[in-house]
Amino acid sequence: MFEASGERAARHGVPEALYSCHTALVDRYVIEGHVPADLIARLLKERPTIKGLAVPAMPAGAPGMGGSGRYEILSFDHRGRFQSYSRR
């Protein structure tokens, strides 16, 4: 069965504005898009009360995307609210 990335993201509670190309489940968190590995490690160490982390779209400079550029990593909660978690 094929599931479009937006459908998978929606099923796991990712706000539509944060959809990206990949949705992963890591422990109890949802990781959407090209989130840097060190921030996932920080998330698992600190265990904040959030639903997950996201890098919306596919920005240049994000892991695996090549190029250079600034981008923002956002955290989101169970109510669909999101805010900045880190910037690169």
PDB file of N, CA and C in Angstrom:
ATOM      1  N   MET A   1       0.833  -1.183   0.000  1.00  0.00           N
ATOM      2  CA  MET A   1       0.000   0.000   0.000  1.00  0.00           C
ATOM      3  C   MET A   1       0.874   1.241   0.000  1.00  0.00           C
ATOM      4  N   PHE A   2       0.596   2.150  -0.885  1.00  0.00           N
ATOM      5  CA  PHE A   2       1.312   3.421  -0.951  1.00  0.00           C
ATOM      6  C   PHE A   2       0.538   4.462  -0.154  1.00  0.00           C
ATOM      7  N   GLU A   3       1.257   5.218   0.630  1.00  0.00           N
ATOM      8  CA  GLU A   3       0.636   6.293   1.400  1.00  0.00           C
ATOM      9  C   GLU A   3       1.398   7.576   1.096  1.00  0.00           C
ATOM     10  N   ALA A   4       0.723   8.567   0.590  1.00  0.00           N
ATOM     11  CA  ALA A   4       1.364   9.852   0.293  1.00  0.00           C
ATOM     12  C   ALA A   4       1.913  10.453   1.577  1.00  0.00           C
ATOM     13  N   SER A   5       3.022  11.192   1.442  1.00  0.00           N
ATOM     14  CA  SER A   5       3.678  11.731   2.631  1.00  0.00           C
ATOM     15  C   SER A   5       2.753  12.631   3.450  1.00  0.00           C
ATOM     16  N   GLY A   6       1.905  13.422   2.799  1.00  0.00           N
ATOM     17  CA  GLY A   6       0.964  14.272   3.535  1.00  0.00           C
ATOM     18  C   GLY A   6      -0.047  13.471   4.328  1.00  0.00           C
ATOM     19  N   GLU A   7      -0.481  12.347   3.780  1.00  0.00           N
ATOM     20  CA  GLU A   7      -1.429  11.479   4.489  1.00  0.00           C
ATOM     21  C   GLU A   7      -0.771  10.884   5.730  1.00  0.00           C
ATOM     22  N   ARG A   8       0.458  10.439   5.584  1.00  0.00           N
ATOM     23  CA  ARG A   8       1.178   9.858   6.728  1.00  0.00           C
ATOM     24  C   ARG A   8       1.414  10.924   7.796  1.00  0.00           C
ATOM     25  N   ALA A   9       1.826  12.110   7.368  1.00  0.00           N
ATOM     26  CA  ALA A   9       2.061  13.204   8.314  1.00  0.00           C
ATOM     27  C   ALA A   9       0.773  13.542   9.069  1.00  0.00           C
ATOM     28  N   ALA A  10      -0.329  13.649   8.346  1.00  0.00           N
ATOM     29  CA  ALA A  10      -1.608  13.962   8.978  1.00  0.00           C
ATOM     30  C   ALA A  10      -2.002  12.884   9.984  1.00  0.00           C
ATOM     31  N   ARG A  11      -1.796  11.645   9.623  1.00  0.00           N
ATOM     32  CA  ARG A  11      -2.158  10.537  10.516  1.00  0.00           C
ATOM     33  C   ARG A  11      -1.379  10.589  11.828  1.00  0.00           C
ATOM     34  N   HIS A  12      -0.187  11.163  11.777  1.00  0.00           N
ATOM     35  CA  HIS A  12       0.650  11.235  12.980  1.00  0.00           C
ATOM     36  C   HIS A  12       0.613  12.607  13.649  1.00  0.00           C
ATOM     37  N   GLY A  13      -0.325  13.463  13.244  1.00  0.00           N
ATOM     38  CA  GLY A  13      -0.548  14.726  13.941  1.00  0.00           C
ATOM     39  C   GLY A  13       0.347  15.878  13.554  1.00  0.00           C
ATOM     40  N   VAL A  14       0.985  15.803  12.406  1.00  0.00           N
ATOM     41  CA  VAL A  14       1.819  16.915  11.944  1.00  0.00           C
ATOM     42  C   VAL A  14       0.899  17.996  11.372  1.00  0.00           C
ATOM     43  N   PRO A  15       1.033  19.250  11.831  1.00  0.00           N
ATOM     44  CA  PRO A  15       0.226  20.323  11.249  1.00  0.00           C
ATOM     45  C   PRO A  15       0.514  20.462   9.750  1.00  0.00           C
ATOM     46  N   GLU A  16      -0.502  20.717   8.959  1.00  0.00           N
ATOM     47  CA  GLU A  16      -0.360  20.786   7.506  1.00  0.00           C
ATOM     48  C   GLU A  16       0.714  21.776   7.062  1.00  0.00           C
ATOM     49  N   ALA A  17       0.848  22.885   7.765  1.00  0.00           N
ATOM     50  CA  ALA A  17       1.847  23.895   7.405  1.00  0.00           C
ATOM     51  C   ALA A  17       3.280  23.372   7.543  1.00  0.00           C
ATOM     52  N   LEU A  18       3.459  22.248   8.236  1.00  0.00           N
ATOM     53  CA  LEU A  18       4.799  21.705   8.472  1.00  0.00           C
ATOM     54  C   LEU A  18       5.107  20.479   7.626  1.00  0.00           C
ATOM     55  N   TYR A  19       4.199  20.078   6.755  1.00  0.00           N
ATOM     56  CA  TYR A  19       4.435  18.892   5.924  1.00  0.00           C
ATOM     57  C   TYR A  19       5.740  19.004   5.154  1.00  0.00           C
ATOM     58  N   SER A  20       6.396  17.861   5.016  1.00  0.00           N
ATOM     59  CA  SER A  20       7.616  17.775   4.236  1.00  0.00           C
ATOM     60  C   SER A  20       7.630  16.450   3.498  1.00  0.00           C
ATOM     61  N   CYS A  21       8.798  15.970   3.165  1.00  0.00           N
ATOM     62  CA  CYS A  21       8.931  14.786   2.313  1.00  0.00           C
ATOM     63  C   CYS A  21       8.968  13.470   3.068  1.00  0.00           C
ATOM     64  N   HIS A  22       9.316  13.476   4.338  1.00  0.00           N
ATOM     65  CA  HIS A  22       9.463  12.244   5.110  1.00  0.00           C
ATOM     66  C   HIS A  22       8.817  12.407   6.476  1.00  0.00           C
ATOM     67  N   THR A  23       8.204  11.351   6.966  1.00  0.00           N
ATOM     68  CA  THR A  23       7.662  11.333   8.321  1.00  0.00           C
ATOM     69  C   THR A  23       8.231  10.099   9.010  1.00  0.00           C
ATOM     70  N   ALA A  24       8.866  10.304  10.156  1.00  0.00           N
ATOM     71  CA  ALA A  24       9.447   9.193  10.907  1.00  0.00           C
ATOM     72  C   ALA A  24       8.940   9.226  12.333  1.00  0.00           C
ATOM     73  N   LEU A  25       8.880   8.065  12.939  1.00  0.00           N
ATOM     74  CA  LEU A  25       8.533   7.946  14.350  1.00  0.00           C
ATOM     75  C   LEU A  25       9.784   7.513  15.098  1.00  0.00           C
ATOM     76  N   VAL A  26      10.185   8.306  16.083  1.00  0.00           N
ATOM     77  CA  VAL A  26      11.364   8.011  16.876  1.00  0.00           C
ATOM     78  C   VAL A  26      10.930   8.039  18.334  1.00  0.00           C
ATOM     79  N   ASP A  27      10.925   6.870  18.941  1.00  0.00           N
ATOM     80  CA  ASP A  27      10.416   6.720  20.299  1.00  0.00           C
ATOM     81  C   ASP A  27       8.969   7.212  20.287  1.00  0.00           C
ATOM     82  N   ARG A  28       8.612   8.217  21.065  1.00  0.00           N
ATOM     83  CA  ARG A  28       7.229   8.712  21.068  1.00  0.00           C
ATOM     84  C   ARG A  28       7.064  10.001  20.269  1.00  0.00           C
ATOM     85  N   TYR A  29       8.080  10.375  19.516  1.00  0.00           N
ATOM     86  CA  TYR A  29       8.077  11.630  18.779  1.00  0.00           C
ATOM     87  C   TYR A  29       7.907  11.414  17.268  1.00  0.00           C
ATOM     88  N   VAL A  30       7.343  12.427  16.620  1.00  0.00           N
ATOM     89  CA  VAL A  30       7.208  12.440  15.168  1.00  0.00           C
ATOM     90  C   VAL A  30       8.281  13.382  14.628  1.00  0.00           C
ATOM     91  N   ILE A  31       9.005  12.916  13.633  1.00  0.00           N
ATOM     92  CA  ILE A  31      10.037  13.726  12.980  1.00  0.00           C
ATOM     93  C   ILE A  31       9.592  13.917  11.533  1.00  0.00           C
ATOM     94  N   GLU A  32       9.412  15.166  11.142  1.00  0.00           N
ATOM     95  CA  GLU A  32       8.913  15.485   9.800  1.00  0.00           C
ATOM     96  C   GLU A  32       9.981  16.239   9.013  1.00  0.00           C
ATOM     97  N   GLY A  33      10.404  15.658   7.900  1.00  0.00           N
ATOM     98  CA  GLY A  33      11.380  16.314   7.041  1.00  0.00           C
ATOM     99  C   GLY A  33      12.814  16.058   7.454  1.00  0.00           C
ATOM    100  N   HIS A  34      13.706  16.906   6.971  1.00  0.00           N
ATOM    101  CA  HIS A  34      15.146  16.735   7.141  1.00  0.00           C
ATOM    102  C   HIS A  34      15.632  17.387   8.443  1.00  0.00           C
ATOM    103  N   VAL A  35      15.222  16.829   9.573  1.00  0.00           N
ATOM    104  CA  VAL A  35      15.632  17.326  10.887  1.00  0.00           C
ATOM    105  C   VAL A  35      17.047  16.818  11.172  1.00  0.00           C
ATOM    106  N   PRO A  36      17.978  17.705  11.561  1.00  0.00           N
ATOM    107  CA  PRO A  36      19.342  17.274  11.849  1.00  0.00           C
ATOM    108  C   PRO A  36      19.392  16.231  12.979  1.00  0.00           C
ATOM    109  N   ALA A  37      20.274  15.256  12.813  1.00  0.00           N
ATOM    110  CA  ALA A  37      20.393  14.153  13.771  1.00  0.00           C
ATOM    111  C   ALA A  37      20.732  14.637  15.175  1.00  0.00           C
ATOM    112  N   ASP A  38      21.577  15.679  15.303  1.00  0.00           N
ATOM    113  CA  ASP A  38      21.933  16.152  16.642  1.00  0.00           C
ATOM    114  C   ASP A  38      20.719  16.728  17.369  1.00  0.00           C
ATOM    115  N   LEU A  39      19.758  17.279  16.628  1.00  0.00           N
ATOM    116  CA  LEU A  39      18.550  17.806  17.277  1.00  0.00           C
ATOM    117  C   LEU A  39      17.605  16.675  17.690  1.00  0.00           C
ATOM    118  N   ILE A  40      17.605  15.587  16.936  1.00  0.00           N
ATOM    119  CA  ILE A  40      16.824  14.418  17.356  1.00  0.00           C
ATOM    120  C   ILE A  40      17.434  13.844  18.633  1.00  0.00           C
ATOM    121  N   ALA A  41      18.759  13.771  18.700  1.00  0.00           N
ATOM    122  CA  ALA A  41      19.432  13.293  19.918  1.00  0.00           C
ATOM    123  C   ALA A  41      19.107  14.204  21.102  1.00  0.00           C
ATOM    124  N   ARG A  42      19.124  15.524  20.879  1.00  0.00           N
ATOM    125  CA  ARG A  42      18.767  16.480  21.942  1.00  0.00           C
ATOM    126  C   ARG A  42      17.328  16.261  22.403  1.00  0.00           C
ATOM    127  N   LEU A  43      16.428  16.063  21.443  1.00  0.00           N
ATOM    128  CA  LEU A  43      15.018  15.802  21.754  1.00  0.00           C
ATOM    129  C   LEU A  43      14.879  14.577  22.659  1.00  0.00           C
ATOM    130  N   LEU A  44      15.578  13.506  22.310  1.00  0.00           N
ATOM    131  CA  LEU A  44      15.484  12.266  23.081  1.00  0.00           C
ATOM    132  C   LEU A  44      16.132  12.390  24.452  1.00  0.00           C
ATOM    133  N   LYS A  45      17.130  13.251  24.576  1.00  0.00           N
ATOM    134  CA  LYS A  45      17.773  13.473  25.867  1.00  0.00           C
ATOM    135  C   LYS A  45      16.917  14.353  26.774  1.00  0.00           C
ATOM    136  N   GLU A  46      16.376  15.438  26.224  1.00  0.00           N
ATOM    137  CA  GLU A  46      15.617  16.408  27.023  1.00  0.00           C
ATOM    138  C   GLU A  46      14.172  15.986  27.267  1.00  0.00           C
ATOM    139  N   ARG A  47      13.587  15.213  26.361  1.00  0.00           N
ATOM    140  CA  ARG A  47      12.210  14.711  26.484  1.00  0.00           C
ATOM    141  C   ARG A  47      11.168  15.810  26.749  1.00  0.00           C
ATOM    142  N   PRO A  48      11.127  16.851  25.903  1.00  0.00           N
ATOM    143  CA  PRO A  48      10.118  17.898  26.121  1.00  0.00           C
ATOM    144  C   PRO A  48       8.709  17.351  25.841  1.00  0.00           C
ATOM    145  N   THR A  49       7.718  18.035  26.358  1.00  0.00           N
ATOM    146  CA  THR A  49       6.326  17.612  26.162  1.00  0.00           C
ATOM    147  C   THR A  49       5.781  18.187  24.864  1.00  0.00           C
ATOM    148  N   ILE A  50       6.333  17.724  23.760  1.00  0.00           N
ATOM    149  CA  ILE A  50       5.894  18.131  22.424  1.00  0.00           C
ATOM    150  C   ILE A  50       5.552  16.871  21.641  1.00  0.00           C
ATOM    151  N   LYS A  51       4.925  17.049  20.508  1.00  0.00           N
ATOM    152  CA  LYS A  51       4.588  15.925  19.625  1.00  0.00           C
ATOM    153  C   LYS A  51       5.774  15.570  18.735  1.00  0.00           C
ATOM    154  N   GLY A  52       6.518  16.581  18.270  1.00  0.00           N
ATOM    155  CA  GLY A  52       7.651  16.291  17.415  1.00  0.00           C
ATOM    156  C   GLY A  52       8.356  17.510  16.872  1.00  0.00           C
ATOM    157  N   LEU A  53       9.251  17.249  15.909  1.00  0.00           N
ATOM    158  CA  LEU A  53      10.038  18.286  15.257  1.00  0.00           C
ATOM    159  C   LEU A  53       9.811  18.223  13.758  1.00  0.00           C
ATOM    160  N   ALA A  54       9.941  19.380  13.107  1.00  0.00           N
ATOM    161  CA  ALA A  54       9.739  19.424  11.660  1.00  0.00           C
ATOM    162  C   ALA A  54      10.642  20.453  11.007  1.00  0.00           C
ATOM    163  N   VAL A  55      11.059  20.122   9.787  1.00  0.00           N
ATOM    164  CA  VAL A  55      11.687  21.072   8.873  1.00  0.00           C
ATOM    165  C   VAL A  55      10.773  21.090   7.654  1.00  0.00           C
ATOM    166  N   PRO A  56       9.880  22.087   7.568  1.00  0.00           N
ATOM    167  CA  PRO A  56       8.931  22.141   6.462  1.00  0.00           C
ATOM    168  C   PRO A  56       9.620  22.263   5.102  1.00  0.00           C
ATOM    169  N   ALA A  57       8.970  21.715   4.099  1.00  0.00           N
ATOM    170  CA  ALA A  57       9.468  21.729   2.712  1.00  0.00           C
ATOM    171  C   ALA A  57      10.798  20.982   2.660  1.00  0.00           C
ATOM    172  N   MET A  58      11.666  21.395   1.828  1.00  0.00           N
ATOM    173  CA  MET A  58      12.965  20.748   1.667  1.00  0.00           C
ATOM    174  C   MET A  58      14.018  21.830   1.446  1.00  0.00           C
ATOM    175  N   PRO A  59      14.348  22.607   2.482  1.00  0.00           N
ATOM    176  CA  PRO A  59      15.214  23.774   2.298  1.00  0.00           C
ATOM    177  C   PRO A  59      16.663  23.416   1.999  1.00  0.00           C
ATOM    178  N   ALA A  60      17.299  24.208   1.164  1.00  0.00           N
ATOM    179  CA  ALA A  60      18.730  24.070   0.908  1.00  0.00           C
ATOM    180  C   ALA A  60      19.466  24.245   2.229  1.00  0.00           C
ATOM    181  N   GLY A  61      20.475  23.434   2.428  1.00  0.00           N
ATOM    182  CA  GLY A  61      21.259  23.509   3.652  1.00  0.00           C
ATOM    183  C   GLY A  61      20.831  22.499   4.703  1.00  0.00           C
ATOM    184  N   ALA A  62      19.625  21.972   4.601  1.00  0.00           N
ATOM    185  CA  ALA A  62      19.169  20.946   5.541  1.00  0.00           C
ATOM    186  C   ALA A  62      19.911  19.640   5.240  1.00  0.00           C
ATOM    187  N   PRO A  63      20.060  18.751   6.219  1.00  0.00           N
ATOM    188  CA  PRO A  63      20.776  17.500   5.978  1.00  0.00           C
ATOM    189  C   PRO A  63      20.223  16.751   4.765  1.00  0.00           C
ATOM    190  N   GLY A  64      21.127  16.344   3.889  1.00  0.00           N
ATOM    191  CA  GLY A  64      20.739  15.598   2.706  1.00  0.00           C
ATOM    192  C   GLY A  64      20.242  16.436   1.546  1.00  0.00           C
ATOM    193  N   MET A  65      20.120  17.729   1.742  1.00  0.00           N
ATOM    194  CA  MET A  65      19.573  18.585   0.677  1.00  0.00           C
ATOM    195  C   MET A  65      20.643  19.293  -0.130  1.00  0.00           C
ATOM    196  N   GLY A  66      21.854  19.358   0.378  1.00  0.00           N
ATOM    197  CA  GLY A  66      22.903  20.045  -0.354  1.00  0.00           C
ATOM    198  C   GLY A  66      22.706  21.544  -0.345  1.00  0.00           C
ATOM    199  N   GLY A  67      23.659  22.211  -0.931  1.00  0.00           N
ATOM    200  CA  GLY A  67      23.578  23.661  -0.989  1.00  0.00           C
ATOM    201  C   GLY A  67      23.812  24.293   0.365  1.00  0.00           C
ATOM    202  N   SER A  68      23.585  25.555   0.415  1.00  0.00           N
ATOM    203  CA  SER A  68      23.719  26.269   1.684  1.00  0.00           C
ATOM    204  C   SER A  68      22.506  27.163   1.845  1.00  0.00           C
ATOM    205  N   GLY A  69      22.205  27.446   3.046  1.00  0.00           N
ATOM    206  CA  GLY A  69      21.059  28.300   3.326  1.00  0.00           C
ATOM    207  C   GLY A  69      20.656  28.164   4.773  1.00  0.00           C
ATOM    208  N   ARG A  70      19.952  29.131   5.239  1.00  0.00           N
ATOM    209  CA  ARG A  70      19.453  29.127   6.616  1.00  0.00           C
ATOM    210  C   ARG A  70      18.063  28.514   6.598  1.00  0.00           C
ATOM    211  N   TYR A  71      17.745  27.772   7.640  1.00  0.00           N
ATOM    212  CA  TYR A  71      16.417  27.193   7.760  1.00  0.00           C
ATOM    213  C   TYR A  71      16.074  27.037   9.232  1.00  0.00           C
ATOM    214  N   GLU A  72      14.807  26.817   9.498  1.00  0.00           N
ATOM    215  CA  GLU A  72      14.320  26.726  10.865  1.00  0.00           C
ATOM    216  C   GLU A  72      13.763  25.334  11.142  1.00  0.00           C
ATOM    217  N   ILE A  73      14.062  24.843  12.340  1.00  0.00           N
ATOM    218  CA  ILE A  73      13.516  23.583  12.821  1.00  0.00           C
ATOM    219  C   ILE A  73      12.426  23.966  13.819  1.00  0.00           C
ATOM    220  N   LEU A  74      11.239  23.436  13.625  1.00  0.00           N
ATOM    221  CA  LEU A  74      10.094  23.796  14.458  1.00  0.00           C
ATOM    222  C   LEU A  74       9.668  22.622  15.327  1.00  0.00           C
ATOM    223  N   SER A  75       9.222  22.935  16.530  1.00  0.00           N
ATOM    224  CA  SER A  75       8.576  21.924  17.365  1.00  0.00           C
ATOM    225  C   SER A  75       7.070  22.124  17.227  1.00  0.00           C
ATOM    226  N   PHE A  76       6.322  21.037  17.405  1.00  0.00           N
ATOM    227  CA  PHE A  76       4.866  21.152  17.370  1.00  0.00           C
ATOM    228  C   PHE A  76       4.269  20.288  18.469  1.00  0.00           C
ATOM    229  N   ASP A  77       3.087  20.698  18.924  1.00  0.00           N
ATOM    230  CA  ASP A  77       2.450  19.981  20.026  1.00  0.00           C
ATOM    231  C   ASP A  77       1.231  19.197  19.549  1.00  0.00           C
ATOM    232  N   HIS A  78       0.556  18.566  20.486  1.00  0.00           N
ATOM    233  CA  HIS A  78      -0.606  17.729  20.177  1.00  0.00           C
ATOM    234  C   HIS A  78      -1.816  18.528  19.693  1.00  0.00           C
ATOM    235  N   ARG A  79      -1.796  19.838  19.899  1.00  0.00           N
ATOM    236  CA  ARG A  79      -2.898  20.693  19.444  1.00  0.00           C
ATOM    237  C   ARG A  79      -2.619  21.335  18.087  1.00  0.00           C
ATOM    238  N   GLY A  80      -1.461  21.030  17.508  1.00  0.00           N
ATOM    239  CA  GLY A  80      -1.115  21.594  16.204  1.00  0.00           C
ATOM    240  C   GLY A  80      -0.414  22.929  16.266  1.00  0.00           C
ATOM    241  N   ARG A  81      -0.099  23.392  17.455  1.00  0.00           N
ATOM    242  CA  ARG A  81       0.633  24.651  17.588  1.00  0.00           C
ATOM    243  C   ARG A  81       2.115  24.375  17.353  1.00  0.00           C
ATOM    244  N   PHE A  82       2.807  25.335  16.763  1.00  0.00           N
ATOM    245  CA  PHE A  82       4.230  25.133  16.523  1.00  0.00           C
ATOM    246  C   PHE A  82       5.017  26.402  16.814  1.00  0.00           C
ATOM    247  N   GLN A  83       6.307  26.206  17.086  1.00  0.00           N
ATOM    248  CA  GLN A  83       7.206  27.321  17.388  1.00  0.00           C
ATOM    249  C   GLN A  83       8.624  26.917  17.041  1.00  0.00           C
ATOM    250  N   SER A  84       9.512  27.894  17.028  1.00  0.00           N
ATOM    251  CA  SER A  84      10.909  27.633  16.698  1.00  0.00           C
ATOM    252  C   SER A  84      11.562  26.759  17.760  1.00  0.00           C
ATOM    253  N   TYR A  85      12.312  25.780  17.325  1.00  0.00           N
ATOM    254  CA  TYR A  85      13.094  24.907  18.203  1.00  0.00           C
ATOM    255  C   TYR A  85      14.592  25.209  18.030  1.00  0.00           C
ATOM    256  N   SER A  86      14.982  25.487  16.794  1.00  0.00           N
ATOM    257  CA  SER A  86      16.385  25.795  16.488  1.00  0.00           C
ATOM    258  C   SER A  86      16.447  26.421  15.097  1.00  0.00           C
ATOM    259  N   ARG A  87      17.564  27.069  14.822  1.00  0.00           N
ATOM    260  CA  ARG A  87      17.821  27.632  13.486  1.00  0.00           C
ATOM    261  C   ARG A  87      19.211  27.238  13.052  1.00  0.00           C
ATOM    262  N   ARG A  88      19.327  26.992  11.785  1.00  0.00           N
ATOM    263  CA  ARG A  88      20.638  26.609  11.222  1.00  0.00           C
ATOM    264  C   ARG A  88      20.934  27.493  10.046  1.00  0.00           C
TER     265      ARG A  88
END
